[in-house]
Amino acid sequence: MRQLVALRSLLKTVLLGKKARHPLAVLHEYQKLRCNVQGSRPEQSGSGSGTRAVIYTSAGEELTMTCDIVQEMESQSSIQRDKWSKGVEFLFSCIALSVGLGNVWRFPFIALENGGGAFVIPYVIVLLLIGRPVYYLEVIIGQFSSRGCIRAFDMAPIMKGIAYGQVYSTALATTYYACIMALTIRYLVASFSEILPWTYCLAEWGSSCVATGSSLGSNSSLSQGVSSAELFFTQTVLREPETLEESGLGTPSWDLVLCLMATWLIIGTILCRGIRSSGKASYFLALFPYVIMIILLIRAVTLPGAWRGIVYFLEPQWSQLLSPHVWYAAITQMFFSLAICFGTLVMYASFNDFHKNVHKDVIIITSIDSMTSILAGCIIFGILGNLAYETNTTDISQVVKGGAGLAFISYPEAIAKFKYLPQLFSVLFFFMLLVLGIGSNIGMASCVINVVKDRFTHLPHWLLAVGASLIGFVCGLVYMTPGGQFVLNLVDFYGCTFIALVLAIAELLAAGWIYGVKRICSDIEFMLNIKTSFYWRICWAIIAPGLMFLVLVYMLFSYEPLTYRGVQYPPAYYMAGWGIWALGVLQLPFWAVYTIYQQPGKTFASKLRMSLQPTADWGPLQSQEYEAYILHRKRESELKTSRGSYIFDNIFG
């Protein structure tokens, strides 16, 4: 008991007293006293009470520590969290996560739809004002706390529902990403055929079929019929109905089920060995796609008419800059390109060394991601320019189909026009898509697995990986049905894009205004020993949440019922879509109410105030760094004074 009194006396003398002492001497003395306390602590019976304590409060910054909180800190710090084998693995893993299908097929089509080069300009602006700042913020939070995305919100417990909603959205994205990978494997296997199966017509497709393998002198026959590439995708691969009202979703195709199984076997094998295994796999997953993209770029620019397509892709249409839809498209594309606000970046950063300088990594990753989008656009529009040249089409937009059609109709159609070794380029292209998709899917699946692992630490990692793979496979069967693409389109909009935008705004409010930009900058200074510039501060506090809020308002006011290939869904599917969206977004108010209810205060005001403050154990995971952080926080409160109003002080303080 006397040691505990001495421990508390030392902490109060150092942290609250007027007399300054050297931090290292204080830390050394504190650790000795703590060991004495632990050595003399009697055995506790039952569950024990008071295992959590408020370490410092906003009023007076007084630190209170009981024997129980020391025990809890020790038990938490004794749990060794996985780490990257090498610091560079974080860089490559983030590249593999961010550079994916969104860069290869979604970015070029969105750019084409919104003015070509005119879209590129808003996209770069959005990268600088939203994408890069949010990316840096999530990496900082994950590295500082060494926690998964759920426990990272111990910084603002009332907003913990954001993390649950993001994990829910990530889990949904994981299932349909695996579906796209299954289709990719299906096409990859078909690419080894002596004659590519989408280059010729089958009798059951009818007389309207136009073989894409034939060299057309004009586009008249194609405009009057349907290409064999489109019919191969819709009739042979998907067996897709015209509407869901005809026969519903149907039963899964056995060949696609086998491809889905192969996808989850690949993902599960990499996941089973944990973050070290996926870190090593990231070298291949991040670098190999660029080898194929360079080969395809060289081939694309040497095709007749290719430069016409590239110029069409990059030529600005300045009138489009004033269209709010262009800015909406740029911001939503940013979520797909960088994988921000899905919880995966926080999870990846939590495996970093505490003092790793991630500032440079963030600049490198976000720059590479954007340059990859431009590179993919040049490849795609070079190929489409050649296709327009072959068919004498003046309007390049007429040879492009968006969504899944761009990857599985337009690309095969264009590759079929290659005079030399079309099978080789088809294999390279679909293998590149497979690698890109697996890199992204591993990151998303790891995020979900680590949330469970942080809660149930006794479960072996391989068991969680196998369980996640089995659940992902079973859930993915719905996408393998003839109506699966209808479901994918529905889940993509309501379960990912819409949820991500709402929760992203809430995340920035939680980090920038509840926890505080000022506090984040103080944590960065403690962790990395660098000052945070006004650029990051203003983007976190005002620009990023403000622009995303405007986009959300525009999205709600311009909302129209979702369609797939111009076909509306039955009413029940719209209800299901809104149900998917509500289940993700309502995590926020549910966990807010639950957190407030669990606080020990006697009045609602006191409970609310405590739920807005970081938890007692918030800070670095390792005990020595945590203790140094407590001292750092106290010195900050003593040395710094408020600069004007709360808003001004939070941003510039």
Foldseek 3Di string as FASTA:
>chain_A
DVLQVVLLVLCCCDLVNPDHDDPVVSLVVNVVSLVVCVVPDDDDDDPDPDLFDAQADPPSGHGDDDNSVSVVLVVLQVDDDAAAPDPCLLLLLLLLQQQAPLLQAVLLVLLLVQFQQQLLVLLVVCCLQALLLLLVVLLLLLLWALAFQQQSCLQQQLQSLLQVLLLQLLLLVLLVLLLLLLVLVVLLVQLPDPARQLQDDDVVVDPLEDGLLDQAQACVSCVSGPYSLVCCVQCVQQVADPFCVPPHQAAFDPSSLVSSLVSLVVLLVQQLVHPNSLSVVSVCLNPVLVVLLVVLLVVLQPAPQLVVLLCSNNPGDNVSNPPVVSSLSSNLSSCNNSVGSSRLSSNSSSNHNLQDDCSVSSVVSSVVSSVSSSSSSSSLSSLLSNVCVSNVNPDSVVLADHDVCNVRRSVLSSLSHDPPPSSVSSNSSSVSNSSSSSSNSSSSLSSSLSVVCVVVVPDRSSVSSVVSSVVSSVVSRSLSTSCNVVVVQLCCVLSHSLLSLVSVLVVLCLVPPLSFLQNSQLSCCLRHVDGDDLSSLCSSHPRNSPSSVVSNVVCVVPDDQDDDPPHGHPPVSVVVSNVSNCVSNVSSNVSSVVQLVPDPDDDSVVSNSVSSRRTNQGTYSNPSSSVVVSSSVSVCVVPDDADPDPSCRRRPD
